[in-house]
Amino acid sequence: MIQSQRQLFDIPDDIAYFNCAYNSPQLNESRKRLQSGVSAKSHPWERTASSFFDDAETIRRLASDILGGDPDGYAIIPAASYGLSTAARAIEPQLHTGDNILLIAEEFPSNVLPWKRIAQERGANLVTVPTPANGNWTQAIVDKIDVGIKVVALSTCHWTNGAYINLWAIRQACNKTGSVLVVDATQSLGAMPFSIDTIKPDFLVAAGYKWLLCPYGFSLMYVSEQWRDSRPLEETWLARENAEDFASLVNYSDKYMPGARRFDVGEKCTTTILPGAIAALEQIKAWGVQQISGSLSTINGQIASHLTELGFQLPQDSQRCPHMFGALIPADYKGNLVSELRERKIYISQRGKSIRFAPYLHITDYDIKRLLDALDDLIKR
């Protein structure tokens, strides 16, 4: 287990922050590099052509080291919504009237709105998997996948409560029907083991400001090899073959750079944002996702056990992710738990009907004690 890494973050001693599924705290090293990047804009004469590309290539290599897949498969994007819209645009020409797109109930809007648009434009249908009464999302999803399902667009876990979704089982179901698998890994990438090489998503996206510890405005996208010739969301000159030769940019190239680079967002903030993202990914690689996941699971196990004693309703262990989980408040509690904890400088969130707990490696034993003592005080009063 990784011991508390609080010294690597700027978190005051009186703050107990269990809300990384909302927004992670920033590493001190990321802040340092971001500040350096901002200062670099003051001396533009020191910036060379390679400055527009080098950091992005470092990101691709780090992502491949941590998550698998080849570096060429990664694109630098500004938001999960950008990546999901890119996937929808690539897939749209293959959809026909009557085809079905599978989603899950109460999915985050970014993984619903692009599919609504292309369903309307192509005459396709949205098929929504309802919340399973037994909590088994995986089986509920697999049961809905048939030859009429052309696209399966899912998260790695349910964003409201961390409910576990077994993507390996879903990948097998998609293989049988030829369905395209699009994955939004925002709420787990970097905190729960995931292998591109095992799951083989057609497209994978993740916002970087949660479990990847990256600056807001940085996100990642992986595109499988069979989709890399697809039309990108935008036509940035930075993705073209001759982009490094500024003197020749007037000789417009029709050829894209190799791999998924055509899907990069233009002006991908290589001077300002990417250095902070590099620091975050370097640290995650050093810790190891397996070790991060195990440590967060231990913290959440302590919280979950105490919540059960207080009468909260929790999913079964087999239906929970290791790094975050949701719990239903006892019916006889009539207060606002999120607000009352905030008054004590203890931070959680509520999504849907679930109170959501999402700690990270900055958490200390004292933070846990403060949370459990406060819950005792508020629930038992």
Protein backbone atom coordinates (compact mmCIF):
# COMPACT_ATOMS: atom_id res chain seq x y z
CA MET A 1 0.00 0.00 0.00
CA ILE A 2 1.19 3.51 -0.84
CA GLN A 3 1.37 5.64 2.28
CA SER A 4 -0.18 9.11 2.30
CA GLN A 5 1.40 11.35 -0.34
CA ARG A 6 0.00 14.58 1.08
CA GLN A 7 3.40 16.28 0.93
CA LEU A 8 3.18 16.23 -2.86
CA PHE A 9 -0.01 18.32 -2.82
CA ASP A 10 -0.92 21.76 -1.49
CA ILE A 11 -3.72 20.73 0.88
CA PRO A 12 -4.05 22.49 4.27
CA ASP A 13 -4.12 20.26 7.34
CA ASP A 14 -7.71 21.21 8.16
CA ILE A 15 -9.06 20.10 4.77
CA ALA A 16 -10.33 16.53 4.36
CA TYR A 17 -10.98 16.14 0.63
CA PHE A 18 -12.81 13.00 -0.51
CA ASN A 19 -14.09 14.40 -3.80
CA CYS A 20 -11.62 13.51 -6.58
CA ALA A 21 -14.40 12.22 -8.82
CA TYR A 22 -15.39 15.90 -9.02
CA ASN A 23 -11.91 17.40 -9.43
CA SER A 24 -8.55 16.14 -8.21
CA PRO A 25 -6.07 18.29 -6.31
CA GLN A 26 -3.04 19.34 -8.30
CA LEU A 27 0.44 18.03 -7.67
CA ASN A 28 2.93 20.66 -6.54
CA GLU A 29 5.23 19.57 -9.36
CA SER A 30 2.47 20.13 -11.91
CA ARG A 31 1.88 23.63 -10.57
CA LYS A 32 5.61 24.37 -10.78
CA ARG A 33 5.78 23.28 -14.42
CA LEU A 34 2.58 25.12 -15.31
CA GLN A 35 3.98 28.32 -13.85
CA SER A 36 7.17 27.82 -15.80
CA GLY A 37 5.12 27.28 -18.94
CA VAL A 38 3.22 30.51 -18.41
CA SER A 39 6.49 32.38 -17.98
CA ALA A 40 7.84 30.89 -21.20
CA LYS A 41 5.29 32.87 -23.23
CA SER A 42 7.10 36.03 -22.14
CA HIS A 43 10.10 34.98 -24.28
CA PRO A 44 8.58 33.76 -27.56
CA TRP A 45 11.91 34.10 -29.34
CA GLU A 46 13.12 31.07 -27.38
CA ARG A 47 10.36 28.89 -28.80
CA THR A 48 11.30 26.71 -31.77
CA ALA A 49 9.24 24.62 -34.16
CA SER A 50 9.83 21.52 -32.02
CA SER A 51 8.19 23.30 -29.08
CA PHE A 52 4.85 22.78 -30.82
CA PHE A 53 5.26 18.99 -30.88
CA ASP A 54 7.71 17.61 -28.30
CA ASP A 55 5.47 17.71 -25.22
CA ALA A 56 2.64 16.01 -27.09
CA GLU A 57 4.96 13.18 -28.08
CA THR A 58 6.08 12.81 -24.46
CA ILE A 59 2.41 12.55 -23.44
CA ARG A 60 1.80 9.81 -26.01
CA ARG A 61 4.72 7.75 -24.72
CA LEU A 62 3.71 8.15 -21.07
CA ALA A 63 0.09 7.22 -21.81
CA SER A 64 1.24 4.10 -23.66
CA ASP A 65 3.52 3.13 -20.76
CA ILE A 66 0.71 3.50 -18.22
CA LEU A 67 -2.32 2.27 -20.16
CA GLY A 68 -0.96 0.15 -22.99
CA GLY A 69 -1.61 0.58 -26.68
CA ASP A 70 0.91 2.10 -29.06
CA PRO A 71 1.95 5.75 -28.61
CA ASP A 72 0.74 6.53 -32.13
CA GLY A 73 -2.80 5.72 -31.02
CA TYR A 74 -3.10 8.61 -28.56
CA ALA A 75 -4.48 12.05 -29.36
CA ILE A 76 -4.30 15.19 -27.23
CA ILE A 77 -7.78 16.67 -26.76
CA PRO A 78 -9.24 19.42 -24.53
CA ALA A 79 -12.23 17.55 -23.09
CA ALA A 80 -13.96 14.19 -22.99
CA SER A 81 -16.85 15.74 -24.93
CA TYR A 82 -14.41 16.63 -27.74
CA GLY A 83 -13.22 13.03 -27.92
CA LEU A 84 -16.71 11.54 -27.84
CA SER A 85 -17.85 13.94 -30.55
CA THR A 86 -14.79 12.89 -32.58
CA ALA A 87 -15.75 9.23 -32.16
CA ALA A 88 -19.35 9.95 -33.15
CA ARG A 89 -18.24 11.78 -36.29
CA ALA A 90 -15.97 8.90 -37.29
CA ILE A 91 -18.69 6.29 -36.75
CA GLU A 92 -21.58 8.28 -38.26
CA PRO A 93 -21.03 7.28 -41.92
CA GLN A 94 -21.42 3.62 -40.97
CA LEU A 95 -24.79 4.09 -39.26
CA HIS A 96 -28.04 3.49 -41.13
CA THR A 97 -31.75 3.85 -40.51
CA GLY A 98 -32.86 1.44 -37.81
CA ASP A 99 -29.39 0.84 -36.35
CA ASN A 100 -29.17 1.00 -32.56
CA ILE A 101 -26.78 2.82 -30.22
CA LEU A 102 -26.57 1.42 -26.69
CA LEU A 103 -26.22 3.72 -23.67
CA ILE A 104 -26.80 3.30 -19.92
CA ALA A 105 -29.34 5.08 -17.77
CA GLU A 106 -28.26 8.34 -16.13
CA GLU A 107 -25.06 8.44 -18.16
CA PHE A 108 -23.02 11.66 -18.10
CA PRO A 109 -24.28 14.08 -20.81
CA SER A 110 -20.99 14.07 -22.75
CA ASN A 111 -21.60 10.42 -23.64
CA VAL A 112 -25.23 10.97 -24.59
CA LEU A 113 -25.52 14.22 -26.53
CA PRO A 114 -23.26 13.28 -29.52
CA TRP A 115 -25.17 10.03 -29.97
CA LYS A 116 -28.52 11.81 -29.82
CA ARG A 117 -27.42 14.06 -32.65
CA ILE A 118 -26.12 11.36 -35.00
CA ALA A 119 -29.11 9.13 -34.19
CA GLN A 120 -31.40 11.92 -35.33
CA GLU A 121 -29.35 12.61 -38.45
CA ARG A 122 -28.89 8.97 -39.48
CA GLY A 123 -32.28 7.60 -38.44
CA ALA A 124 -30.71 5.41 -35.76
CA ASN A 125 -32.19 4.63 -32.35
CA LEU A 126 -30.89 5.12 -28.82
CA VAL A 127 -31.32 2.05 -26.62
CA THR A 128 -30.90 2.80 -22.91
CA VAL A 129 -30.08 0.07 -20.41
CA PRO A 130 -32.14 0.78 -17.27
CA THR A 131 -30.55 0.76 -13.85
CA PRO A 132 -30.46 -2.93 -12.81
CA ALA A 133 -32.32 -3.75 -9.60
CA ASN A 134 -29.54 -6.12 -8.52
CA GLY A 135 -26.78 -3.64 -9.27
CA ASN A 136 -25.19 -5.84 -11.95
CA TRP A 137 -24.63 -3.37 -14.76
CA THR A 138 -22.39 -5.74 -16.69
CA GLN A 139 -25.02 -8.42 -17.14
CA ALA A 140 -27.73 -5.88 -17.87
CA ILE A 141 -25.60 -4.40 -20.66
CA VAL A 142 -24.53 -7.76 -22.13
CA ASP A 143 -28.16 -8.87 -22.23
CA LYS A 144 -28.99 -5.89 -24.46
CA ILE A 145 -26.18 -6.37 -26.99
CA ASP A 146 -27.44 -8.07 -30.15
CA VAL A 147 -26.81 -7.80 -33.89
CA GLY A 148 -28.96 -4.65 -34.06
CA ILE A 149 -26.62 -2.79 -31.71
CA LYS A 150 -24.05 -1.03 -33.89
CA VAL A 151 -22.46 1.14 -31.18
CA VAL A 152 -21.98 0.47 -27.49
CA ALA A 153 -21.04 3.73 -25.72
CA LEU A 154 -20.20 3.19 -22.06
CA SER A 155 -18.21 4.45 -19.11
CA THR A 156 -15.74 2.28 -17.21
CA CYS A 157 -17.95 2.72 -14.16
CA HIS A 158 -21.12 4.65 -13.45
CA TRP A 159 -20.10 8.23 -12.80
CA THR A 160 -22.75 8.84 -10.12
CA ASN A 161 -21.71 6.07 -7.75
CA GLY A 162 -18.71 4.14 -9.06
CA ALA A 163 -20.79 1.06 -9.95
CA TYR A 164 -18.49 -1.46 -11.63
CA ILE A 165 -18.79 -2.31 -15.33
CA ASN A 166 -16.78 -5.29 -16.59
CA LEU A 167 -15.56 -4.10 -19.98
CA TRP A 168 -13.86 -7.41 -20.75
CA ALA A 169 -17.23 -9.17 -20.76
CA ILE A 170 -18.74 -6.37 -22.82
CA ARG A 171 -15.86 -6.49 -25.32
CA GLN A 172 -16.56 -10.19 -25.83
CA ALA A 173 -20.23 -9.47 -26.45
CA CYS A 174 -19.33 -6.72 -28.94
CA ASN A 175 -16.98 -9.10 -30.77
CA LYS A 176 -19.86 -11.51 -31.35
CA THR A 177 -22.15 -8.84 -32.82
CA GLY A 178 -19.57 -6.63 -34.53
CA SER A 179 -20.58 -3.67 -32.37
CA VAL A 180 -18.25 -0.67 -32.06
CA LEU A 181 -17.12 -0.07 -28.45
CA VAL A 182 -16.67 3.53 -27.31
CA VAL A 183 -15.43 4.01 -23.74
CA ASP A 184 -15.48 7.09 -21.54
CA ALA A 185 -12.87 6.29 -18.89
CA THR A 186 -12.96 9.69 -17.18
CA GLN A 187 -14.03 8.30 -13.82
CA SER A 188 -11.40 5.59 -13.51
CA LEU A 189 -8.39 6.09 -15.78
CA GLY A 190 -5.33 6.39 -13.58
CA ALA A 191 -7.05 5.07 -10.45
CA MET A 192 -8.28 1.62 -11.53
CA PRO A 193 -6.34 -0.85 -13.69
CA PHE A 194 -7.23 -0.63 -17.35
CA SER A 195 -5.47 -2.14 -20.35
CA ILE A 196 -5.97 -0.88 -23.89
CA ASP A 197 -4.41 -4.10 -25.15
CA THR A 198 -6.90 -6.27 -23.25
CA ILE A 199 -10.15 -4.34 -23.75
CA LYS A 200 -9.32 -3.14 -27.27
CA PRO A 201 -11.80 -0.23 -27.35
CA ASP A 202 -12.47 1.27 -30.75
CA PHE A 203 -12.29 4.68 -29.09
CA LEU A 204 -11.40 5.62 -25.53
CA VAL A 205 -11.53 9.09 -24.00
CA ALA A 206 -10.82 10.47 -20.54
CA ALA A 207 -10.93 13.96 -19.10
CA GLY A 208 -7.60 14.57 -17.39
CA TYR A 209 -8.61 16.70 -14.41
CA LYS A 210 -9.94 13.88 -12.27
CA TRP A 211 -8.01 10.64 -11.69
CA LEU A 212 -5.19 11.52 -14.09
CA LEU A 213 -4.35 14.55 -11.87
CA CYS A 214 -3.86 16.70 -14.97
CA PRO A 215 -4.72 20.38 -15.50
CA TYR A 216 -8.23 21.36 -16.49
CA GLY A 217 -8.35 21.59 -20.28
CA PHE A 218 -6.23 18.48 -20.90
CA SER A 219 -7.77 15.16 -21.91
CA LEU A 220 -6.66 11.98 -23.66
CA MET A 221 -8.11 9.95 -26.50
CA TYR A 222 -7.08 6.56 -27.85
CA VAL A 223 -8.12 5.49 -31.34
CA SER A 224 -7.75 1.89 -32.45
CA GLU A 225 -5.83 1.28 -35.64
CA GLN A 226 -8.84 0.49 -37.81
CA TRP A 227 -10.32 3.97 -37.17
CA ARG A 228 -7.20 6.10 -37.63
CA ASP A 229 -8.04 7.05 -41.21
CA SER A 230 -11.36 8.57 -40.12
CA ARG A 231 -12.27 12.21 -40.57
CA PRO A 232 -11.16 14.29 -37.56
CA LEU A 233 -13.35 16.80 -35.78
CA GLU A 234 -11.21 19.71 -37.00
CA GLU A 235 -8.57 20.29 -39.66
CA THR A 236 -5.58 21.62 -37.75
CA TRP A 237 -2.40 22.40 -39.66
CA LEU A 238 -0.44 20.95 -36.73
CA ALA A 239 -1.62 17.47 -37.73
CA ARG A 240 -0.34 17.65 -41.31
CA GLU A 241 2.79 16.04 -42.66
CA ASN A 242 4.84 19.22 -43.20
CA ALA A 243 3.78 20.99 -40.00
CA GLU A 244 7.28 21.20 -38.50
CA ASP A 245 8.56 23.13 -41.53
CA PHE A 246 7.03 26.54 -40.92
CA ALA A 247 8.60 27.98 -44.07
CA SER A 248 6.65 25.48 -46.19
CA LEU A 249 3.21 25.81 -44.58
CA VAL A 250 1.92 27.58 -47.68
CA ASN A 251 2.48 24.27 -49.49
CA TYR A 252 -0.69 22.76 -48.08
CA SER A 253 -0.34 19.07 -47.34
CA ASP A 254 -3.19 16.65 -47.90
CA LYS A 255 -1.42 14.01 -45.83
CA TYR A 256 -1.90 13.68 -42.09
CA MET A 257 0.78 12.82 -39.58
CA PRO A 258 0.73 9.10 -38.71
CA GLY A 259 -1.49 7.43 -36.13
CA ALA A 260 -4.09 9.33 -34.17
CA ARG A 261 -2.32 12.70 -34.41
CA ARG A 262 -4.95 13.91 -36.88
CA PHE A 263 -7.40 13.88 -33.95
CA ASP A 264 -5.31 16.24 -31.82
CA VAL A 265 -6.98 19.52 -30.97
CA GLY A 266 -5.38 22.54 -32.62
CA GLU A 267 -3.30 24.78 -30.34
CA LYS A 268 -2.97 21.99 -27.80
CA CYS A 269 -1.33 24.33 -25.27
CA THR A 270 2.08 22.74 -25.45
CA THR A 271 3.71 25.66 -23.65
CA THR A 272 1.24 26.01 -20.78
CA ILE A 273 -0.95 22.96 -20.05
CA LEU A 274 1.01 19.97 -21.32
CA PRO A 275 4.01 20.41 -18.97
CA GLY A 276 1.65 20.09 -16.00
CA ALA A 277 0.05 17.00 -17.54
CA ILE A 278 3.46 15.44 -18.10
CA ALA A 279 4.34 15.89 -14.42
CA ALA A 280 1.07 14.21 -13.40
CA LEU A 281 1.49 11.24 -15.73
CA GLU A 282 5.11 10.79 -14.65
CA GLN A 283 3.96 10.55 -11.04
CA ILE A 284 1.17 8.10 -11.81
CA LYS A 285 3.65 5.95 -13.71
CA ALA A 286 6.04 6.04 -10.73
CA TRP A 287 3.34 5.01 -8.27
CA GLY A 288 1.76 2.42 -10.59
CA VAL A 289 -1.98 2.24 -11.23
CA GLN A 290 -2.27 -1.16 -9.55
CA GLN A 291 -0.72 0.25 -6.37
CA ILE A 292 -2.86 3.41 -6.52
CA SER A 293 -5.99 1.31 -6.90
CA GLY A 294 -5.09 -0.98 -4.00
CA SER A 295 -4.37 1.95 -1.70
CA LEU A 296 -7.64 3.71 -2.53
CA SER A 297 -9.52 0.44 -2.07
CA THR A 298 -8.13 0.17 1.47
CA ILE A 299 -9.25 3.72 2.31
CA ASN A 300 -12.71 3.15 0.84
CA GLY A 301 -13.02 -0.17 2.66
CA GLN A 302 -12.70 1.62 6.00
CA ILE A 303 -15.32 4.20 5.01
CA ALA A 304 -17.72 1.64 3.56
CA SER A 305 -17.58 -0.56 6.64
CA HIS A 306 -18.47 2.38 8.87
CA LEU A 307 -21.26 3.53 6.59
CA THR A 308 -22.84 0.10 6.73
CA GLU A 309 -22.86 0.25 10.53
CA LEU A 310 -24.64 3.61 10.32
CA GLY A 311 -27.40 2.22 8.09
CA PHE A 312 -26.27 3.50 4.67
CA GLN A 313 -27.14 1.27 1.71
CA LEU A 314 -24.10 0.26 -0.36
CA PRO A 315 -23.68 -1.88 -3.46
CA GLN A 316 -22.17 -5.31 -2.97
CA ASP A 317 -18.37 -5.38 -2.96
CA SER A 318 -18.36 -7.15 -6.33
CA GLN A 319 -20.36 -4.29 -7.87
CA ARG A 320 -18.12 -1.48 -6.59
CA CYS A 321 -14.99 0.04 -8.07
CA PRO A 322 -11.95 0.26 -5.78
CA HIS A 323 -11.39 4.02 -6.01
CA MET A 324 -14.87 5.53 -5.60
CA PHE A 325 -18.31 4.44 -4.49
CA GLY A 326 -21.78 5.77 -3.77
CA ALA A 327 -24.04 5.14 -0.79
CA LEU A 328 -27.70 5.86 -0.07
CA ILE A 329 -28.33 7.87 3.11
CA PRO A 330 -30.48 6.30 5.86
CA ALA A 331 -34.13 7.24 5.35
CA ASP A 332 -34.50 8.81 8.79
CA TYR A 333 -31.74 11.37 8.16
CA LYS A 334 -33.36 14.66 7.12
CA GLY A 335 -30.39 17.02 6.82
CA ASN A 336 -28.09 17.97 3.96
CA LEU A 337 -25.09 15.73 4.52
CA VAL A 338 -22.86 17.30 1.85
CA SER A 339 -23.41 20.81 3.22
CA GLU A 340 -23.03 19.82 6.84
CA LEU A 341 -19.76 18.04 6.14
CA ARG A 342 -18.55 21.03 4.13
CA GLU A 343 -19.08 23.24 7.16
CA ARG A 344 -16.54 21.00 8.91
CA LYS A 345 -14.17 21.28 5.92
CA ILE A 346 -14.84 17.70 4.88
CA TYR A 347 -15.67 17.40 1.19
CA ILE A 348 -17.76 14.77 -0.59
CA SER A 349 -20.44 15.14 -3.27
CA GLN A 350 -23.89 13.93 -4.23
CA ARG A 351 -24.74 12.66 -7.70
CA GLY A 352 -28.25 11.44 -8.32
CA LYS A 353 -29.42 9.71 -5.16
CA SER A 354 -25.92 8.67 -4.11
CA ILE A 355 -23.50 10.28 -1.70
CA ARG A 356 -20.19 9.77 -3.46
CA PHE A 357 -16.84 9.09 -1.76
CA ALA A 358 -13.74 9.52 -3.93
CA PRO A 359 -10.47 9.84 -1.96
CA TYR A 360 -6.94 10.00 -3.32
CA LEU A 361 -3.42 9.40 -2.04
CA HIS A 362 -3.33 12.71 -0.17
CA ILE A 363 -5.74 11.28 2.41
CA THR A 364 -4.34 10.69 5.90
CA ASP A 365 -5.54 8.60 8.83
CA TYR A 366 -6.58 11.87 10.48
CA ASP A 367 -8.77 12.75 7.47
CA ILE A 368 -10.50 9.38 7.72
CA LYS A 369 -11.06 9.77 11.44
CA ARG A 370 -12.53 13.24 10.96
CA LEU A 371 -14.92 11.92 8.30
CA LEU A 372 -16.08 8.93 10.33
CA ASP A 373 -16.49 10.97 13.53
CA ALA A 374 -18.51 13.60 11.67
CA LEU A 375 -20.75 10.94 10.13
CA ASP A 376 -21.36 9.47 13.59
CA ASP A 377 -22.29 12.89 14.92
CA LEU A 378 -24.60 13.81 12.02
CA ILE A 379 -26.36 10.50 11.44
CA LYS A 380 -26.83 9.45 15.06
CA ARG A 381 -28.03 12.79 16.45
